[in-house]
Amino acid sequence: MASQCIAFRDSKGGLHASLEKATLEDLASVLGRVGEEGGMTAGVAKLIFDKRLDIERIFAEHDAMICPVTANGAVERLHAI
């Protein structure tokens, strides 16, 4: 008898049993080859996934310093020297 299952598709069309696995595959794809053999890519993707909140906070702080809001609410873009 046929049965129904839930799978998650990554951006390349691959099927995964969990959303996390599909997301990790997409992250690994974005990172490309890491290390001599490319075997580090999955580990780096997992670390990014696990540390996502901290990474997003760091980028938000970085963006806030690049584009600070002035007293009148306007965004002022800083230029690199």
C-alpha atoms as a PDB file:
ATOM      1  CA  MET A   1       0.000   0.000   0.000  1.00  0.00           C
ATOM      2  CA  ALA A   2       1.233   3.484  -0.790  1.00  0.00           C
ATOM      3  CA  SER A   3       2.013   5.854   2.021  1.00  0.00           C
ATOM      4  CA  GLN A   4       2.520   9.578   2.269  1.00  0.00           C
ATOM      5  CA  CYS A   5       5.724  11.215   3.491  1.00  0.00           C
ATOM      6  CA  ILE A   6       6.943  14.752   3.996  1.00  0.00           C
ATOM      7  CA  ALA A   7      10.208  15.791   2.402  1.00  0.00           C
ATOM      8  CA  PHE A   8      11.970  19.098   1.962  1.00  0.00           C
ATOM      9  CA  ARG A   9      13.564  20.210  -1.288  1.00  0.00           C
ATOM     10  CA  ASP A  10      16.783  22.243  -1.376  1.00  0.00           C
ATOM     11  CA  SER A  11      17.380  24.945  -3.978  1.00  0.00           C
ATOM     12  CA  LYS A  12      18.983  22.420  -6.359  1.00  0.00           C
ATOM     13  CA  GLY A  13      15.967  20.126  -6.154  1.00  0.00           C
ATOM     14  CA  GLY A  14      17.416  17.490  -3.832  1.00  0.00           C
ATOM     15  CA  LEU A  15      15.018  15.895  -1.344  1.00  0.00           C
ATOM     16  CA  HIS A  16      15.779  15.767   2.379  1.00  0.00           C
ATOM     17  CA  ALA A  17      14.025  14.167   5.330  1.00  0.00           C
ATOM     18  CA  SER A  18      14.186  17.368   7.412  1.00  0.00           C
ATOM     19  CA  LEU A  19      14.044  21.094   6.807  1.00  0.00           C
ATOM     20  CA  GLU A  20      17.383  21.473   8.617  1.00  0.00           C
ATOM     21  CA  LYS A  21      19.096  19.058   6.212  1.00  0.00           C
ATOM     22  CA  ALA A  22      17.722  20.931   3.184  1.00  0.00           C
ATOM     23  CA  THR A  23      18.840  24.257   4.674  1.00  0.00           C
ATOM     24  CA  LEU A  24      22.294  22.871   5.441  1.00  0.00           C
ATOM     25  CA  GLU A  25      22.603  21.697   1.838  1.00  0.00           C
ATOM     26  CA  ASP A  26      21.722  25.201   0.612  1.00  0.00           C
ATOM     27  CA  LEU A  27      24.258  26.750   2.999  1.00  0.00           C
ATOM     28  CA  ALA A  28      26.937  24.315   1.859  1.00  0.00           C
ATOM     29  CA  SER A  29      26.140  25.190  -1.740  1.00  0.00           C
ATOM     30  CA  VAL A  30      26.511  28.920  -1.051  1.00  0.00           C
ATOM     31  CA  LEU A  31      29.805  28.355   0.775  1.00  0.00           C
ATOM     32  CA  GLY A  32      31.264  26.339  -2.052  1.00  0.00           C
ATOM     33  CA  ARG A  33      34.316  24.198  -1.475  1.00  0.00           C
ATOM     34  CA  VAL A  34      35.960  24.715   1.929  1.00  0.00           C
ATOM     35  CA  GLY A  35      39.295  23.029   2.589  1.00  0.00           C
ATOM     36  CA  GLU A  36      41.619  21.003   0.430  1.00  0.00           C
ATOM     37  CA  GLU A  37      39.194  18.155  -0.165  1.00  0.00           C
ATOM     38  CA  GLY A  38      36.008  20.169   0.238  1.00  0.00           C
ATOM     39  CA  GLY A  39      35.031  17.981   3.207  1.00  0.00           C
ATOM     40  CA  MET A  40      34.822  20.895   5.613  1.00  0.00           C
ATOM     41  CA  THR A  41      31.896  22.527   3.819  1.00  0.00           C
ATOM     42  CA  ALA A  42      29.169  20.492   5.544  1.00  0.00           C
ATOM     43  CA  GLY A  43      30.722  21.161   8.960  1.00  0.00           C
ATOM     44  CA  VAL A  44      31.008  24.894   8.325  1.00  0.00           C
ATOM     45  CA  ALA A  45      27.383  24.992   7.102  1.00  0.00           C
ATOM     46  CA  LYS A  46      26.247  23.216  10.287  1.00  0.00           C
ATOM     47  CA  LEU A  47      28.222  25.648  12.448  1.00  0.00           C
ATOM     48  CA  ILE A  48      26.654  28.640  10.654  1.00  0.00           C
ATOM     49  CA  PHE A  49      23.203  27.100  11.098  1.00  0.00           C
ATOM     50  CA  ASP A  50      23.794  26.440  14.806  1.00  0.00           C
ATOM     51  CA  LYS A  51      25.233  29.932  15.428  1.00  0.00           C
ATOM     52  CA  ARG A  52      22.671  31.728  13.263  1.00  0.00           C
ATOM     53  CA  LEU A  53      21.362  34.110  15.944  1.00  0.00           C
ATOM     54  CA  ASP A  54      24.841  35.242  16.913  1.00  0.00           C
ATOM     55  CA  ILE A  55      25.865  35.619  13.267  1.00  0.00           C
ATOM     56  CA  GLU A  56      22.743  37.644  12.435  1.00  0.00           C
ATOM     57  CA  ARG A  57      23.354  39.856  15.501  1.00  0.00           C
ATOM     58  CA  ILE A  58      26.944  40.518  14.423  1.00  0.00           C
ATOM     59  CA  PHE A  59      25.853  41.458  10.895  1.00  0.00           C
ATOM     60  CA  ALA A  60      23.078  43.691  12.277  1.00  0.00           C
ATOM     61  CA  GLU A  61      25.628  45.485  14.472  1.00  0.00           C
ATOM     62  CA  HIS A  62      27.955  45.815  11.483  1.00  0.00           C
ATOM     63  CA  ASP A  63      25.177  47.200   9.272  1.00  0.00           C
ATOM     64  CA  ALA A  64      24.151  49.654  11.994  1.00  0.00           C
ATOM     65  CA  MET A  65      27.689  51.019  12.086  1.00  0.00           C
ATOM     66  CA  ILE A  66      27.864  51.317   8.296  1.00  0.00           C
ATOM     67  CA  CYS A  67      24.464  53.035   8.029  1.00  0.00           C
ATOM     68  CA  PRO A  68      23.860  54.879  11.310  1.00  0.00           C
ATOM     69  CA  VAL A  69      20.560  56.693  11.728  1.00  0.00           C
ATOM     70  CA  THR A  70      20.950  60.432  12.262  1.00  0.00           C
ATOM     71  CA  ALA A  71      19.041  62.435  14.889  1.00  0.00           C
ATOM     72  CA  ASN A  72      16.324  63.334  12.351  1.00  0.00           C
ATOM     73  CA  GLY A  73      15.823  59.658  11.426  1.00  0.00           C
ATOM     74  CA  ALA A  74      17.659  59.778   8.108  1.00  0.00           C
ATOM     75  CA  VAL A  75      20.045  56.975   7.263  1.00  0.00           C
ATOM     76  CA  GLU A  76      23.566  58.217   6.681  1.00  0.00           C
ATOM     77  CA  ARG A  77      25.844  55.911   4.709  1.00  0.00           C
ATOM     78  CA  LEU A  78      29.471  55.891   5.863  1.00  0.00           C
ATOM     79  CA  HIS A  79      32.060  55.656   3.136  1.00  0.00           C
ATOM     80  CA  ALA A  80      35.173  53.562   3.520  1.00  0.00           C
ATOM     81  CA  ILE A  81      38.354  55.585   3.525  1.00  0.00           C
END
